[in-house]
Amino acid sequence: MHADSLQQRAAARAEELPGAGLEHPFGPDWEVWKVRGKVFLLMAEVHGQPVVTVKAAPDDATALCAQHDDVSPGWHMNKRHWITVRPGDDVEPDLLDDLVTESYLLVVEGLPRARRPVDPATFAGGVGWGAPRAPPPVEAGVKAPS
């Protein structure tokens, strides 16, 4: 994705997610998206380049960093649980949407059931919300999580 659309696309996806809200706890240069007070998406400029940082399951984070040149361990975050996406041709818009959605769902799963805006086990996050989530496709040569 190009620099001018990376953060716009991530923010547009975050706006669609139930209970998500934008805050600026670190000042105007950082856009922080939260659900029920917990961070799932950060956007800022790092070394003059717009970046998007999202939560990821550890095995997914490792695989994404290995498969995509524009994905790296989370900048100034726990490198095991967060990834940073930079502009480039390596990340398609649909993948960015999925990364934002999965980050949101990882955070929602950690909330007490009574505070969850959606059921993470059944949330599809698009047309037909509420349908069971399909597991992500496994790329050739990549071991599926067990």
N, C-alpha and C. Protein backbone atom coordinates (compact mmCIF):
# COMPACT_ATOMS: atom_id res chain seq x y z
N MET A 1 0.85 -1.18 0.00
CA MET A 1 0.00 0.00 0.00
C MET A 1 0.89 1.23 0.00
N HIS A 2 0.39 2.26 -0.61
CA HIS A 2 1.14 3.51 -0.69
C HIS A 2 1.02 4.28 0.61
N ALA A 3 2.00 5.14 0.86
CA ALA A 3 2.07 5.89 2.11
C ALA A 3 0.80 6.69 2.38
N ASP A 4 0.22 7.29 1.33
CA ASP A 4 -0.95 8.14 1.55
C ASP A 4 -2.21 7.36 1.89
N SER A 5 -2.25 6.09 1.60
CA SER A 5 -3.48 5.32 1.84
C SER A 5 -3.37 4.32 2.98
N LEU A 6 -2.17 4.00 3.44
CA LEU A 6 -1.99 2.98 4.48
C LEU A 6 -2.78 3.32 5.74
N GLN A 7 -2.55 4.48 6.31
CA GLN A 7 -3.22 4.85 7.55
C GLN A 7 -4.69 5.15 7.32
N GLN A 8 -5.03 5.72 6.16
CA GLN A 8 -6.44 5.99 5.86
C GLN A 8 -7.23 4.68 5.82
N ARG A 9 -6.67 3.66 5.20
CA ARG A 9 -7.35 2.37 5.10
C ARG A 9 -7.51 1.73 6.48
N ALA A 10 -6.44 1.77 7.29
CA ALA A 10 -6.50 1.18 8.63
C ALA A 10 -7.54 1.91 9.49
N ALA A 11 -7.56 3.23 9.42
CA ALA A 11 -8.53 4.00 10.21
C ALA A 11 -9.95 3.73 9.76
N ALA A 12 -10.15 3.62 8.45
CA ALA A 12 -11.49 3.33 7.92
C ALA A 12 -11.98 1.98 8.44
N ARG A 13 -11.10 1.00 8.48
CA ARG A 13 -11.49 -0.32 8.99
C ARG A 13 -11.79 -0.24 10.48
N ALA A 14 -10.96 0.47 11.24
CA ALA A 14 -11.18 0.59 12.68
C ALA A 14 -12.51 1.26 12.99
N GLU A 15 -12.88 2.26 12.19
CA GLU A 15 -14.15 2.96 12.41
C GLU A 15 -15.35 2.04 12.26
N GLU A 16 -15.21 0.98 11.49
CA GLU A 16 -16.31 0.03 11.26
C GLU A 16 -16.51 -0.94 12.42
N LEU A 17 -15.55 -1.05 13.30
CA LEU A 17 -15.58 -2.07 14.34
C LEU A 17 -16.37 -1.59 15.56
N PRO A 18 -17.33 -2.40 16.02
CA PRO A 18 -18.18 -2.01 17.15
C PRO A 18 -17.38 -1.69 18.42
N GLY A 19 -17.69 -0.56 19.02
CA GLY A 19 -17.05 -0.18 20.27
C GLY A 19 -15.66 0.44 20.12
N ALA A 20 -15.16 0.56 18.89
CA ALA A 20 -13.83 1.13 18.68
C ALA A 20 -13.88 2.65 18.72
N GLY A 21 -12.84 3.24 19.27
CA GLY A 21 -12.78 4.70 19.35
C GLY A 21 -11.36 5.20 19.21
N LEU A 22 -11.24 6.38 18.64
CA LEU A 22 -9.94 7.02 18.41
C LEU A 22 -9.60 7.95 19.58
N GLU A 23 -8.37 7.85 20.06
CA GLU A 23 -7.87 8.72 21.11
C GLU A 23 -6.48 9.21 20.73
N HIS A 24 -6.00 10.22 21.45
CA HIS A 24 -4.66 10.77 21.23
C HIS A 24 -3.93 10.88 22.58
N PRO A 25 -3.71 9.75 23.28
CA PRO A 25 -3.10 9.82 24.61
C PRO A 25 -1.62 10.22 24.60
N PHE A 26 -0.97 10.11 23.46
CA PHE A 26 0.46 10.43 23.35
C PHE A 26 0.69 11.73 22.60
N GLY A 27 -0.36 12.50 22.41
CA GLY A 27 -0.25 13.75 21.67
C GLY A 27 -0.84 13.62 20.28
N PRO A 28 -0.89 14.74 19.54
CA PRO A 28 -1.57 14.75 18.25
C PRO A 28 -0.90 13.93 17.15
N ASP A 29 0.35 13.55 17.36
CA ASP A 29 1.08 12.80 16.32
C ASP A 29 0.79 11.31 16.34
N TRP A 30 0.12 10.84 17.38
CA TRP A 30 -0.19 9.42 17.51
C TRP A 30 -1.70 9.23 17.52
N GLU A 31 -2.19 8.43 16.58
CA GLU A 31 -3.60 8.03 16.60
C GLU A 31 -3.68 6.65 17.22
N VAL A 32 -4.44 6.53 18.28
CA VAL A 32 -4.55 5.28 19.03
C VAL A 32 -6.00 4.84 19.04
N TRP A 33 -6.26 3.68 18.47
CA TRP A 33 -7.61 3.11 18.44
C TRP A 33 -7.72 2.10 19.56
N LYS A 34 -8.81 2.24 20.33
CA LYS A 34 -9.05 1.35 21.47
C LYS A 34 -10.45 0.76 21.39
N VAL A 35 -10.61 -0.39 22.04
CA VAL A 35 -11.92 -0.96 22.28
C VAL A 35 -12.02 -1.21 23.77
N ARG A 36 -13.02 -0.61 24.40
CA ARG A 36 -13.24 -0.70 25.84
C ARG A 36 -11.96 -0.35 26.62
N GLY A 37 -11.25 0.67 26.15
CA GLY A 37 -10.07 1.16 26.85
C GLY A 37 -8.78 0.43 26.56
N LYS A 38 -8.81 -0.58 25.69
CA LYS A 38 -7.62 -1.37 25.37
C LYS A 38 -7.18 -1.09 23.93
N VAL A 39 -5.90 -0.87 23.73
CA VAL A 39 -5.34 -0.52 22.43
C VAL A 39 -5.32 -1.73 21.49
N PHE A 40 -5.77 -1.48 20.24
CA PHE A 40 -5.63 -2.52 19.21
C PHE A 40 -4.97 -1.99 17.94
N LEU A 41 -4.81 -0.66 17.81
CA LEU A 41 -4.22 -0.08 16.60
C LEU A 41 -3.55 1.24 16.95
N LEU A 42 -2.31 1.41 16.50
CA LEU A 42 -1.59 2.67 16.67
C LEU A 42 -1.11 3.13 15.29
N MET A 43 -1.20 4.44 15.07
CA MET A 43 -0.71 5.00 13.81
C MET A 43 0.10 6.25 14.11
N ALA A 44 1.25 6.35 13.46
CA ALA A 44 2.13 7.50 13.65
C ALA A 44 3.09 7.56 12.46
N GLU A 45 3.97 8.54 12.49
CA GLU A 45 5.07 8.59 11.54
C GLU A 45 6.32 8.18 12.27
N VAL A 46 7.07 7.27 11.66
CA VAL A 46 8.32 6.81 12.23
C VAL A 46 9.40 7.09 11.19
N HIS A 47 10.35 7.92 11.57
CA HIS A 47 11.42 8.33 10.65
C HIS A 47 10.85 8.91 9.36
N GLY A 48 9.78 9.72 9.50
CA GLY A 48 9.17 10.38 8.35
C GLY A 48 8.28 9.51 7.49
N GLN A 49 8.01 8.30 7.94
CA GLN A 49 7.20 7.34 7.17
C GLN A 49 5.97 6.94 7.99
N PRO A 50 4.76 7.01 7.40
CA PRO A 50 3.58 6.59 8.14
C PRO A 50 3.60 5.08 8.37
N VAL A 51 3.25 4.68 9.59
CA VAL A 51 3.20 3.25 9.91
C VAL A 51 1.90 2.94 10.65
N VAL A 52 1.55 1.67 10.62
CA VAL A 52 0.39 1.13 11.33
C VAL A 52 0.92 -0.02 12.20
N THR A 53 0.58 0.00 13.47
CA THR A 53 1.01 -1.06 14.38
C THR A 53 -0.23 -1.73 14.96
N VAL A 54 -0.26 -3.06 14.87
CA VAL A 54 -1.41 -3.85 15.34
C VAL A 54 -0.94 -5.03 16.17
N LYS A 55 -1.84 -5.51 17.00
CA LYS A 55 -1.59 -6.70 17.81
C LYS A 55 -1.72 -7.93 16.90
N ALA A 56 -0.93 -8.95 17.19
CA ALA A 56 -0.99 -10.20 16.42
C ALA A 56 -0.64 -11.37 17.32
N ALA A 57 -1.23 -12.51 17.05
CA ALA A 57 -0.86 -13.72 17.77
C ALA A 57 0.62 -13.99 17.48
N PRO A 58 1.39 -14.45 18.47
CA PRO A 58 2.83 -14.62 18.26
C PRO A 58 3.22 -15.42 17.02
N ASP A 59 2.59 -16.54 16.77
CA ASP A 59 2.93 -17.33 15.58
C ASP A 59 2.59 -16.60 14.30
N ASP A 60 1.46 -15.90 14.31
CA ASP A 60 1.07 -15.10 13.13
C ASP A 60 2.05 -13.96 12.90
N ALA A 61 2.47 -13.31 13.97
CA ALA A 61 3.42 -12.20 13.85
C ALA A 61 4.73 -12.68 13.21
N THR A 62 5.22 -13.80 13.67
CA THR A 62 6.46 -14.36 13.11
C THR A 62 6.30 -14.68 11.63
N ALA A 63 5.18 -15.32 11.28
CA ALA A 63 4.94 -15.69 9.89
C ALA A 63 4.77 -14.46 9.00
N LEU A 64 4.03 -13.47 9.47
CA LEU A 64 3.81 -12.26 8.67
C LEU A 64 5.12 -11.51 8.43
N CYS A 65 5.95 -11.42 9.45
CA CYS A 65 7.25 -10.75 9.28
C CYS A 65 8.13 -11.50 8.28
N ALA A 66 8.05 -12.83 8.29
CA ALA A 66 8.86 -13.63 7.36
C ALA A 66 8.34 -13.55 5.93
N GLN A 67 7.03 -13.41 5.77
CA GLN A 67 6.42 -13.44 4.44
C GLN A 67 6.32 -12.08 3.76
N HIS A 68 6.37 -10.99 4.53
CA HIS A 68 6.13 -9.66 3.96
C HIS A 68 7.26 -8.70 4.34
N ASP A 69 7.90 -8.14 3.33
CA ASP A 69 8.99 -7.19 3.57
C ASP A 69 8.52 -5.94 4.29
N ASP A 70 7.25 -5.57 4.13
CA ASP A 70 6.72 -4.35 4.72
C ASP A 70 6.11 -4.56 6.10
N VAL A 71 6.31 -5.73 6.67
CA VAL A 71 5.83 -6.05 8.03
C VAL A 71 7.04 -6.38 8.88
N SER A 72 7.11 -5.77 10.06
CA SER A 72 8.23 -6.00 10.97
C SER A 72 7.69 -6.10 12.39
N PRO A 73 8.52 -6.57 13.33
CA PRO A 73 8.06 -6.59 14.72
C PRO A 73 7.64 -5.19 15.16
N GLY A 74 6.70 -5.10 16.06
CA GLY A 74 6.11 -3.82 16.48
C GLY A 74 7.13 -2.81 16.95
N TRP A 75 7.05 -1.62 16.38
CA TRP A 75 7.96 -0.53 16.73
C TRP A 75 7.62 -0.01 18.11
N HIS A 76 8.57 -0.06 19.03
CA HIS A 76 8.41 0.36 20.42
C HIS A 76 7.29 -0.40 21.14
N MET A 77 7.04 -1.62 20.71
CA MET A 77 6.01 -2.46 21.33
C MET A 77 6.63 -3.82 21.62
N ASN A 78 5.88 -4.68 22.30
CA ASN A 78 6.31 -6.05 22.54
C ASN A 78 6.46 -6.74 21.19
N LYS A 79 7.67 -7.11 20.83
CA LYS A 79 7.97 -7.67 19.50
C LYS A 79 7.29 -9.02 19.26
N ARG A 80 6.87 -9.68 20.30
CA ARG A 80 6.21 -10.99 20.16
C ARG A 80 4.73 -10.84 19.84
N HIS A 81 4.11 -9.77 20.31
CA HIS A 81 2.66 -9.62 20.20
C HIS A 81 2.19 -8.49 19.30
N TRP A 82 3.10 -7.71 18.74
CA TRP A 82 2.72 -6.57 17.91
C TRP A 82 3.56 -6.55 16.64
N ILE A 83 2.96 -6.10 15.55
CA ILE A 83 3.68 -5.93 14.28
C ILE A 83 3.44 -4.52 13.75
N THR A 84 4.39 -4.04 12.97
CA THR A 84 4.28 -2.73 12.34
C THR A 84 4.27 -2.92 10.83
N VAL A 85 3.32 -2.26 10.18
CA VAL A 85 3.19 -2.32 8.72
C VAL A 85 3.63 -0.97 8.17
N ARG A 86 4.55 -1.03 7.20
CA ARG A 86 5.05 0.17 6.53
C ARG A 86 4.49 0.23 5.12
N PRO A 87 4.50 1.42 4.53
CA PRO A 87 4.04 1.53 3.14
C PRO A 87 4.93 0.71 2.21
N GLY A 88 4.33 0.21 1.15
CA GLY A 88 5.06 -0.57 0.15
C GLY A 88 4.09 -1.41 -0.64
N ASP A 89 4.62 -2.11 -1.60
CA ASP A 89 3.77 -2.91 -2.50
C ASP A 89 3.50 -4.31 -1.96
N ASP A 90 4.06 -4.63 -0.81
CA ASP A 90 3.99 -5.99 -0.28
C ASP A 90 2.71 -6.31 0.48
N VAL A 91 1.99 -5.30 0.95
CA VAL A 91 0.78 -5.53 1.74
C VAL A 91 -0.43 -4.99 0.98
N GLU A 92 -1.34 -5.88 0.67
CA GLU A 92 -2.57 -5.53 -0.06
C GLU A 92 -3.59 -4.93 0.92
N PRO A 93 -4.49 -4.10 0.41
CA PRO A 93 -5.52 -3.49 1.28
C PRO A 93 -6.33 -4.52 2.08
N ASP A 94 -6.70 -5.63 1.45
CA ASP A 94 -7.49 -6.64 2.17
C ASP A 94 -6.71 -7.25 3.33
N LEU A 95 -5.40 -7.43 3.15
CA LEU A 95 -4.58 -7.96 4.24
C LEU A 95 -4.54 -6.95 5.39
N LEU A 96 -4.40 -5.67 5.08
CA LEU A 96 -4.40 -4.65 6.14
C LEU A 96 -5.73 -4.66 6.89
N ASP A 97 -6.84 -4.76 6.17
CA ASP A 97 -8.16 -4.86 6.82
C ASP A 97 -8.19 -6.05 7.78
N ASP A 98 -7.69 -7.19 7.31
CA ASP A 98 -7.68 -8.39 8.15
C ASP A 98 -6.80 -8.21 9.38
N LEU A 99 -5.65 -7.56 9.21
CA LEU A 99 -4.75 -7.35 10.35
C LEU A 99 -5.40 -6.46 11.41
N VAL A 100 -6.08 -5.41 10.98
CA VAL A 100 -6.77 -4.52 11.92
C VAL A 100 -7.88 -5.29 12.63
N THR A 101 -8.66 -6.06 11.87
CA THR A 101 -9.76 -6.83 12.45
C THR A 101 -9.25 -7.87 13.44
N GLU A 102 -8.22 -8.59 13.08
CA GLU A 102 -7.68 -9.62 13.98
C GLU A 102 -7.10 -9.00 15.24
N SER A 103 -6.46 -7.84 15.12
CA SER A 103 -5.95 -7.14 16.29
C SER A 103 -7.09 -6.79 17.24
N TYR A 104 -8.14 -6.23 16.68
CA TYR A 104 -9.34 -5.89 17.45
C TYR A 104 -9.89 -7.13 18.16
N LEU A 105 -10.00 -8.23 17.44
CA LEU A 105 -10.57 -9.45 18.03
C LEU A 105 -9.67 -10.04 19.12
N LEU A 106 -8.36 -9.94 18.96
CA LEU A 106 -7.46 -10.40 20.02
C LEU A 106 -7.68 -9.61 21.30
N VAL A 107 -7.88 -8.31 21.17
CA VAL A 107 -8.13 -7.48 22.35
C VAL A 107 -9.50 -7.80 22.94
N VAL A 108 -10.52 -7.93 22.10
CA VAL A 108 -11.87 -8.24 22.58
C VAL A 108 -11.88 -9.58 23.31
N GLU A 109 -11.15 -10.57 22.81
CA GLU A 109 -11.09 -11.88 23.46
C GLU A 109 -10.57 -11.79 24.89
N GLY A 110 -9.72 -10.80 25.14
CA GLY A 110 -9.15 -10.64 26.48
C GLY A 110 -10.03 -9.86 27.44
N LEU A 111 -11.13 -9.32 26.95
CA LEU A 111 -12.05 -8.56 27.80
C LEU A 111 -12.99 -9.51 28.54
N PRO A 112 -13.47 -9.10 29.72
CA PRO A 112 -14.52 -9.89 30.37
C PRO A 112 -15.72 -9.98 29.43
N ARG A 113 -16.39 -11.10 29.41
CA ARG A 113 -17.51 -11.33 28.48
C ARG A 113 -18.55 -10.21 28.52
N ALA A 114 -18.83 -9.70 29.69
CA ALA A 114 -19.86 -8.66 29.82
C ALA A 114 -19.45 -7.34 29.16
N ARG A 115 -18.17 -7.13 28.93
CA ARG A 115 -17.67 -5.88 28.33
C ARG A 115 -17.41 -6.02 26.83
N ARG A 116 -17.52 -7.20 26.28
CA ARG A 116 -17.22 -7.42 24.86
C ARG A 116 -18.32 -6.83 23.98
N PRO A 117 -17.95 -5.97 23.01
CA PRO A 117 -18.96 -5.43 22.11
C PRO A 117 -19.45 -6.44 21.08
N VAL A 118 -18.68 -7.51 20.87
CA VAL A 118 -19.05 -8.59 19.95
C VAL A 118 -18.55 -9.90 20.53
N ASP A 119 -19.06 -10.98 20.01
CA ASP A 119 -18.54 -12.31 20.37
C ASP A 119 -17.40 -12.60 19.40
N PRO A 120 -16.16 -12.65 19.87
CA PRO A 120 -15.04 -12.84 18.95
C PRO A 120 -15.06 -14.19 18.23
N ALA A 121 -15.77 -15.16 18.77
CA ALA A 121 -15.84 -16.48 18.12
C ALA A 121 -16.72 -16.47 16.88
N THR A 122 -17.65 -15.51 16.80
CA THR A 122 -18.58 -15.51 15.67
C THR A 122 -18.52 -14.25 14.83
N PHE A 123 -17.74 -13.27 15.24
CA PHE A 123 -17.69 -11.99 14.53
C PHE A 123 -16.98 -12.15 13.20
N ALA A 124 -17.65 -11.76 12.12
CA ALA A 124 -17.05 -11.83 10.79
C ALA A 124 -16.47 -10.49 10.39
N GLY A 125 -17.02 -9.39 10.89
CA GLY A 125 -16.45 -8.08 10.68
C GLY A 125 -16.71 -7.45 9.34
N GLY A 126 -17.63 -7.91 8.59
CA GLY A 126 -17.94 -7.31 7.31
C GLY A 126 -19.39 -7.54 6.98
N VAL A 127 -19.68 -7.71 5.73
CA VAL A 127 -21.04 -8.03 5.33
C VAL A 127 -21.41 -9.34 6.00
N GLY A 128 -22.56 -9.38 6.63
CA GLY A 128 -22.96 -10.60 7.32
C GLY A 128 -22.29 -10.76 8.67
N TRP A 129 -22.00 -9.64 9.36
CA TRP A 129 -21.40 -9.72 10.69
C TRP A 129 -22.18 -10.72 11.52
N GLY A 130 -21.46 -11.46 12.31
CA GLY A 130 -22.08 -12.45 13.16
C GLY A 130 -21.91 -13.86 12.62
N ALA A 131 -21.48 -13.98 11.36
CA ALA A 131 -21.21 -15.30 10.79
C ALA A 131 -19.89 -15.81 11.37
N PRO A 132 -19.74 -17.12 11.49
CA PRO A 132 -18.49 -17.66 12.03
C PRO A 132 -17.30 -17.22 11.20
N ARG A 133 -16.20 -16.93 11.87
CA ARG A 133 -14.96 -16.55 11.19
C ARG A 133 -14.33 -17.79 10.59
N ALA A 134 -13.89 -17.66 9.38
CA ALA A 134 -13.16 -18.75 8.74
C ALA A 134 -11.70 -18.63 9.15
N PRO A 135 -11.00 -19.76 9.27
CA PRO A 135 -9.57 -19.66 9.58
C PRO A 135 -8.85 -19.04 8.39
N PRO A 136 -7.74 -18.32 8.64
CA PRO A 136 -7.03 -17.70 7.54
C PRO A 136 -6.47 -18.76 6.60
N PRO A 137 -6.37 -18.45 5.30
CA PRO A 137 -5.82 -19.43 4.37
C PRO A 137 -4.36 -19.68 4.67
N VAL A 138 -3.92 -20.89 4.43
CA VAL A 138 -2.53 -21.26 4.66
C VAL A 138 -1.80 -21.18 3.33
N GLU A 139 -0.71 -20.43 3.31
CA GLU A 139 0.07 -20.29 2.07
C GLU A 139 0.95 -21.52 1.89
N ALA A 140 1.27 -21.80 0.65
CA ALA A 140 2.11 -22.94 0.33
C ALA A 140 3.45 -22.83 1.07
N GLY A 141 3.86 -23.90 1.69
CA GLY A 141 5.14 -23.92 2.38
C GLY A 141 5.10 -23.38 3.80
N VAL A 142 3.94 -22.91 4.25
CA VAL A 142 3.82 -22.37 5.59
C VAL A 142 3.00 -23.36 6.42
N LYS A 143 3.54 -23.76 7.54
CA LYS A 143 2.86 -24.72 8.40
C LYS A 143 1.64 -24.07 9.05
N ALA A 144 0.50 -24.72 8.97
CA ALA A 144 -0.73 -24.23 9.61
C ALA A 144 -0.59 -24.34 11.12
N PRO A 145 -1.12 -23.33 11.86
CA PRO A 145 -1.07 -23.43 13.32
C PRO A 145 -1.91 -24.59 13.81
N SER A 146 -1.44 -25.22 14.88
CA SER A 146 -2.20 -26.37 15.41
C SER A 146 -2.99 -25.99 16.61
